[in-house]
Amino acid sequence: MFKKIKELMIKYRELIVYVIVGFMVTFFCWGVAGIGKLFLDVEGSSFQNFLNNTLNWIAGVSFAYPLNRKWVFKSTNPQILKEFLGFASSRLSTWVLDVVIMWLTVNIFHWNFWISKIFISSVLVMVVNYIFSKFLIFRKKKQEN
């Protein structure tokens, strides 16, 4: 049984590490969101959610890139700046997704901020970020495989 578990862990190492790193980044961003909500919370302000999500995005990208580069995708790309800009650009699209989800759920549907952030936005953003990272940003060239 342990041999089978080990084989599965080796086979799905990248995805497992991505989920672990994703949770680290997510918890980090929730902390940033909590601090932002504490200091930026203005009753009935749509701009507060926008600003909070923007700060979240900047913090998240800055925290996530080195972890994804080194631990998840084991990138050896010497063009780190170009790779980071691609990473940040892909995350920009998921930032828009996050802003739209949070605006719709919190400001339009009046759902709880944390329910929207944790169970809707974070899950969708994590899935889309993996797809972008795997197939666009940290894509291995054929000779590297």
C-alpha atoms as a PDB file:
ATOM      1  CA  MET A   1       0.000   0.000   0.000  1.00  0.00           C
ATOM      2  CA  PHE A   2       2.803   2.425   0.877  1.00  0.00           C
ATOM      3  CA  LYS A   3       4.507   1.643  -2.412  1.00  0.00           C
ATOM      4  CA  LYS A   4       1.324   2.552  -4.301  1.00  0.00           C
ATOM      5  CA  ILE A   5       0.993   5.807  -2.324  1.00  0.00           C
ATOM      6  CA  LYS A   6       4.629   6.651  -3.056  1.00  0.00           C
ATOM      7  CA  GLU A   7       4.114   5.962  -6.767  1.00  0.00           C
ATOM      8  CA  LEU A   8       1.056   8.234  -6.824  1.00  0.00           C
ATOM      9  CA  MET A   9       2.946  10.969  -4.963  1.00  0.00           C
ATOM     10  CA  ILE A  10       5.801  10.782  -7.477  1.00  0.00           C
ATOM     11  CA  LYS A  11       3.409  10.734 -10.420  1.00  0.00           C
ATOM     12  CA  TYR A  12       1.422  13.737  -9.153  1.00  0.00           C
ATOM     13  CA  ARG A  13       4.265  15.563  -7.358  1.00  0.00           C
ATOM     14  CA  GLU A  14       3.815  18.784  -9.282  1.00  0.00           C
ATOM     15  CA  LEU A  15       0.088  18.976  -8.622  1.00  0.00           C
ATOM     16  CA  ILE A  16       0.505  18.055  -4.934  1.00  0.00           C
ATOM     17  CA  VAL A  17       3.207  20.676  -4.406  1.00  0.00           C
ATOM     18  CA  TYR A  18       1.127  23.213  -6.347  1.00  0.00           C
ATOM     19  CA  VAL A  19      -1.815  22.651  -4.012  1.00  0.00           C
ATOM     20  CA  ILE A  20       0.441  22.988  -0.945  1.00  0.00           C
ATOM     21  CA  VAL A  21       2.024  26.182  -2.297  1.00  0.00           C
ATOM     22  CA  GLY A  22      -1.424  27.375  -3.354  1.00  0.00           C
ATOM     23  CA  PHE A  23      -2.694  26.977   0.189  1.00  0.00           C
ATOM     24  CA  MET A  24       0.345  28.852   1.509  1.00  0.00           C
ATOM     25  CA  VAL A  25      -0.283  31.699  -0.926  1.00  0.00           C
ATOM     26  CA  THR A  26      -4.019  31.622  -0.232  1.00  0.00           C
ATOM     27  CA  PHE A  27      -3.558  31.835   3.549  1.00  0.00           C
ATOM     28  CA  PHE A  28      -1.033  34.626   3.053  1.00  0.00           C
ATOM     29  CA  CYS A  29      -3.534  36.504   0.862  1.00  0.00           C
ATOM     30  CA  TRP A  30      -6.350  35.929   3.349  1.00  0.00           C
ATOM     31  CA  GLY A  31      -4.138  37.586   5.946  1.00  0.00           C
ATOM     32  CA  VAL A  32      -3.574  40.507   3.607  1.00  0.00           C
ATOM     33  CA  ALA A  33      -7.332  40.613   2.897  1.00  0.00           C
ATOM     34  CA  GLY A  34      -8.108  40.616   6.610  1.00  0.00           C
ATOM     35  CA  ILE A  35      -5.689  43.456   7.261  1.00  0.00           C
ATOM     36  CA  GLY A  36      -7.083  45.326   4.260  1.00  0.00           C
ATOM     37  CA  LYS A  37     -10.645  44.791   5.429  1.00  0.00           C
ATOM     38  CA  LEU A  38      -9.683  46.014   8.905  1.00  0.00           C
ATOM     39  CA  PHE A  39      -8.068  49.225   7.657  1.00  0.00           C
ATOM     40  CA  LEU A  40      -9.998  49.866   4.445  1.00  0.00           C
ATOM     41  CA  ASP A  41     -13.521  48.809   5.413  1.00  0.00           C
ATOM     42  CA  VAL A  42     -15.973  51.564   4.586  1.00  0.00           C
ATOM     43  CA  GLU A  43     -19.641  50.624   4.898  1.00  0.00           C
ATOM     44  CA  GLY A  44     -21.203  50.209   1.459  1.00  0.00           C
ATOM     45  CA  SER A  45     -18.026  51.057  -0.458  1.00  0.00           C
ATOM     46  CA  SER A  46     -17.403  49.135  -3.682  1.00  0.00           C
ATOM     47  CA  PHE A  47     -14.014  50.802  -3.945  1.00  0.00           C
ATOM     48  CA  GLN A  48     -12.895  49.167  -0.687  1.00  0.00           C
ATOM     49  CA  ASN A  49     -13.308  45.687  -2.201  1.00  0.00           C
ATOM     50  CA  PHE A  50     -11.502  46.783  -5.345  1.00  0.00           C
ATOM     51  CA  LEU A  51      -8.574  48.248  -3.394  1.00  0.00           C
ATOM     52  CA  ASN A  52      -8.397  45.255  -1.066  1.00  0.00           C
ATOM     53  CA  ASN A  53      -8.341  42.818  -4.001  1.00  0.00           C
ATOM     54  CA  THR A  54      -5.665  44.871  -5.754  1.00  0.00           C
ATOM     55  CA  LEU A  55      -3.413  44.817  -2.680  1.00  0.00           C
ATOM     56  CA  ASN A  56      -4.130  41.107  -2.377  1.00  0.00           C
ATOM     57  CA  TRP A  57      -3.089  40.555  -5.963  1.00  0.00           C
ATOM     58  CA  ILE A  58       0.225  42.415  -5.601  1.00  0.00           C
ATOM     59  CA  ALA A  59       1.072  40.562  -2.382  1.00  0.00           C
ATOM     60  CA  GLY A  60      -0.013  37.215  -3.825  1.00  0.00           C
ATOM     61  CA  VAL A  61       1.989  37.498  -7.048  1.00  0.00           C
ATOM     62  CA  SER A  62       5.097  38.627  -5.187  1.00  0.00           C
ATOM     63  CA  PHE A  63       4.792  35.716  -2.757  1.00  0.00           C
ATOM     64  CA  ALA A  64       3.708  33.057  -5.289  1.00  0.00           C
ATOM     65  CA  TYR A  65       6.220  33.529  -8.100  1.00  0.00           C
ATOM     66  CA  PRO A  66       9.393  32.353  -6.332  1.00  0.00           C
ATOM     67  CA  LEU A  67       7.556  29.423  -4.724  1.00  0.00           C
ATOM     68  CA  ASN A  68       6.069  28.290  -8.030  1.00  0.00           C
ATOM     69  CA  ARG A  69       9.326  28.793  -9.903  1.00  0.00           C
ATOM     70  CA  LYS A  70      11.468  26.810  -7.486  1.00  0.00           C
ATOM     71  CA  TRP A  71       9.240  24.256  -5.762  1.00  0.00           C
ATOM     72  CA  VAL A  72       6.359  23.519  -8.089  1.00  0.00           C
ATOM     73  CA  PHE A  73       7.593  23.789 -11.653  1.00  0.00           C
ATOM     74  CA  LYS A  74      11.352  23.664 -10.952  1.00  0.00           C
ATOM     75  CA  SER A  75      12.039  26.266 -13.596  1.00  0.00           C
ATOM     76  CA  THR A  76      15.581  26.693 -14.873  1.00  0.00           C
ATOM     77  CA  ASN A  77      14.650  29.434 -17.303  1.00  0.00           C
ATOM     78  CA  PRO A  78      17.525  31.941 -17.219  1.00  0.00           C
ATOM     79  CA  GLN A  79      15.170  34.748 -18.312  1.00  0.00           C
ATOM     80  CA  ILE A  80      13.741  35.296 -14.834  1.00  0.00           C
ATOM     81  CA  LEU A  81      12.404  38.798 -15.519  1.00  0.00           C
ATOM     82  CA  LYS A  82      10.600  37.678 -18.672  1.00  0.00           C
ATOM     83  CA  GLU A  83       9.216  34.653 -16.833  1.00  0.00           C
ATOM     84  CA  PHE A  84       8.086  36.810 -13.896  1.00  0.00           C
ATOM     85  CA  LEU A  85       6.382  39.288 -16.238  1.00  0.00           C
ATOM     86  CA  GLY A  86       4.528  36.402 -17.895  1.00  0.00           C
ATOM     87  CA  PHE A  87       3.574  35.071 -14.474  1.00  0.00           C
ATOM     88  CA  ALA A  88       2.371  38.498 -13.342  1.00  0.00           C
ATOM     89  CA  SER A  89       0.449  39.001 -16.599  1.00  0.00           C
ATOM     90  CA  SER A  90      -1.360  35.694 -16.241  1.00  0.00           C
ATOM     91  CA  ARG A  91      -2.166  36.558 -12.645  1.00  0.00           C
ATOM     92  CA  LEU A  92      -3.548  39.889 -13.836  1.00  0.00           C
ATOM     93  CA  SER A  93      -6.333  38.049 -15.641  1.00  0.00           C
ATOM     94  CA  THR A  94      -7.160  36.044 -12.509  1.00  0.00           C
ATOM     95  CA  TRP A  95      -7.065  39.274 -10.492  1.00  0.00           C
ATOM     96  CA  VAL A  96      -9.819  40.547 -12.795  1.00  0.00           C
ATOM     97  CA  LEU A  97     -11.685  37.283 -12.211  1.00  0.00           C
ATOM     98  CA  ASP A  98     -11.291  37.753  -8.435  1.00  0.00           C
ATOM     99  CA  VAL A  99     -12.466  41.375  -8.548  1.00  0.00           C
ATOM    100  CA  VAL A 100     -15.532  40.463 -10.619  1.00  0.00           C
ATOM    101  CA  ILE A 101     -16.422  37.506  -8.398  1.00  0.00           C
ATOM    102  CA  MET A 102     -16.038  39.543  -5.205  1.00  0.00           C
ATOM    103  CA  TRP A 103     -17.982  42.488  -6.649  1.00  0.00           C
ATOM    104  CA  LEU A 104     -20.826  40.233  -7.780  1.00  0.00           C
ATOM    105  CA  THR A 105     -21.021  38.122  -4.655  1.00  0.00           C
ATOM    106  CA  VAL A 106     -20.449  40.810  -2.004  1.00  0.00           C
ATOM    107  CA  ASN A 107     -21.789  44.011  -3.562  1.00  0.00           C
ATOM    108  CA  ILE A 108     -24.559  42.709  -5.818  1.00  0.00           C
ATOM    109  CA  PHE A 109     -25.732  39.481  -4.124  1.00  0.00           C
ATOM    110  CA  HIS A 110     -24.770  40.667  -0.601  1.00  0.00           C
ATOM    111  CA  TRP A 111     -23.126  37.369   0.292  1.00  0.00           C
ATOM    112  CA  ASN A 112     -20.683  37.126   3.155  1.00  0.00           C
ATOM    113  CA  PHE A 113     -17.214  38.473   2.280  1.00  0.00           C
ATOM    114  CA  TRP A 114     -15.332  35.451   3.644  1.00  0.00           C
ATOM    115  CA  ILE A 115     -17.653  32.837   2.123  1.00  0.00           C
ATOM    116  CA  SER A 116     -17.197  34.528  -1.257  1.00  0.00           C
ATOM    117  CA  LYS A 117     -13.434  34.871  -0.815  1.00  0.00           C
ATOM    118  CA  ILE A 118     -12.740  31.361   0.490  1.00  0.00           C
ATOM    119  CA  PHE A 119     -15.209  29.087  -1.275  1.00  0.00           C
ATOM    120  CA  ILE A 120     -15.805  30.805  -4.583  1.00  0.00           C
ATOM    121  CA  SER A 121     -13.083  33.220  -5.610  1.00  0.00           C
ATOM    122  CA  SER A 122     -10.046  31.449  -4.156  1.00  0.00           C
ATOM    123  CA  VAL A 123     -10.980  28.070  -5.620  1.00  0.00           C
ATOM    124  CA  LEU A 124     -11.643  29.379  -9.128  1.00  0.00           C
ATOM    125  CA  VAL A 125      -8.544  31.573  -9.102  1.00  0.00           C
ATOM    126  CA  MET A 126      -6.327  28.675  -7.947  1.00  0.00           C
ATOM    127  CA  VAL A 127      -7.545  26.390 -10.747  1.00  0.00           C
ATOM    128  CA  VAL A 128      -7.110  29.003 -13.479  1.00  0.00           C
ATOM    129  CA  ASN A 129      -3.674  29.985 -12.123  1.00  0.00           C
ATOM    130  CA  TYR A 130      -2.496  26.364 -12.318  1.00  0.00           C
ATOM    131  CA  ILE A 131      -3.642  26.061 -15.911  1.00  0.00           C
ATOM    132  CA  PHE A 132      -1.819  29.268 -16.891  1.00  0.00           C
ATOM    133  CA  SER A 133       1.345  28.292 -15.011  1.00  0.00           C
ATOM    134  CA  LYS A 134       1.475  24.724 -16.295  1.00  0.00           C
ATOM    135  CA  PHE A 135       0.720  25.401 -19.935  1.00  0.00           C
ATOM    136  CA  LEU A 136       1.954  28.964 -20.519  1.00  0.00           C
ATOM    137  CA  ILE A 137       4.457  30.284 -17.975  1.00  0.00           C
ATOM    138  CA  PHE A 138       6.518  27.289 -16.826  1.00  0.00           C
ATOM    139  CA  ARG A 139       5.946  25.153 -19.915  1.00  0.00           C
ATOM    140  CA  LYS A 140       8.842  22.783 -20.428  1.00  0.00           C
ATOM    141  CA  LYS A 141      10.389  22.623 -23.861  1.00  0.00           C
ATOM    142  CA  LYS A 142      10.266  19.196 -25.497  1.00  0.00           C
ATOM    143  CA  GLN A 143      14.004  18.577 -25.039  1.00  0.00           C
ATOM    144  CA  GLU A 144      13.668  19.260 -21.262  1.00  0.00           C
ATOM    145  CA  ASN A 145      11.030  16.522 -20.806  1.00  0.00           C
END
